[in-house]
Amino acid sequence: MAGKNSKNKKPIKTGENKSTNQNRSAQILFAIFAIILILSMVLSAVSNF
């Protein structure tokens, strides 16, 4: 029983690591998109003055 439990935990951990890596990359991509959007809004406001 103990051997089966330890074997079952290893793929779960790798799956969690993959999902956290995907979440991290999604957050970075969203941050880059937000920065580009904010910069474009600032440049548009500055060009109007």
Protein backbone atom coordinates (compact mmCIF):
# COMPACT_ATOMS: atom_id res chain seq x y z
CA MET A 1 0.00 0.00 0.00
CA ALA A 2 2.74 2.45 0.95
CA GLY A 3 4.63 1.73 -2.28
CA LYS A 4 1.54 2.37 -4.37
CA ASN A 5 0.84 5.65 -2.60
CA SER A 6 4.36 6.97 -3.19
CA LYS A 7 4.18 6.01 -6.87
CA ASN A 8 0.83 7.74 -7.24
CA LYS A 9 2.07 10.95 -5.65
CA LYS A 10 4.92 11.48 -8.14
CA PRO A 11 2.77 12.03 -11.29
CA ILE A 12 0.43 14.28 -9.31
CA LYS A 13 3.37 16.48 -8.31
CA THR A 14 4.60 16.72 -11.90
CA GLY A 15 1.09 17.61 -13.03
CA GLU A 16 0.91 20.33 -10.41
CA ASN A 17 4.29 21.68 -11.50
CA LYS A 18 3.12 21.84 -15.10
CA SER A 19 -0.05 23.67 -14.15
CA THR A 20 1.89 26.15 -11.99
CA ASN A 21 4.31 26.72 -14.87
CA GLN A 22 1.36 27.39 -17.17
CA ASN A 23 -0.17 29.76 -14.63
CA ARG A 24 3.15 31.58 -14.26
CA SER A 25 3.58 31.95 -18.02
CA ALA A 26 -0.03 33.13 -18.35
CA GLN A 27 0.53 35.75 -15.65
CA ILE A 28 3.70 36.99 -17.37
CA LEU A 29 1.91 37.18 -20.71
CA PHE A 30 -0.99 39.09 -19.13
CA ALA A 31 1.42 41.49 -17.42
CA ILE A 32 3.19 42.22 -20.71
CA PHE A 33 -0.15 42.79 -22.43
CA ALA A 34 -1.28 45.12 -19.64
CA ILE A 35 1.96 47.14 -19.81
CA ILE A 36 1.66 47.51 -23.58
CA LEU A 37 -1.98 48.59 -23.22
CA ILE A 38 -1.15 51.16 -20.53
CA LEU A 39 1.77 52.55 -22.54
CA SER A 40 -0.40 52.92 -25.62
CA MET A 41 -3.04 54.78 -23.60
CA VAL A 42 -0.39 57.10 -22.13
CA LEU A 43 1.12 57.80 -25.53
CA SER A 44 -2.32 58.49 -26.96
CA ALA A 45 -3.07 60.95 -24.13
CA VAL A 46 0.29 62.69 -24.57
CA SER A 47 -0.16 63.01 -28.33
CA ASN A 48 -3.51 64.77 -27.82
CA PHE A 49 -1.92 67.57 -25.81
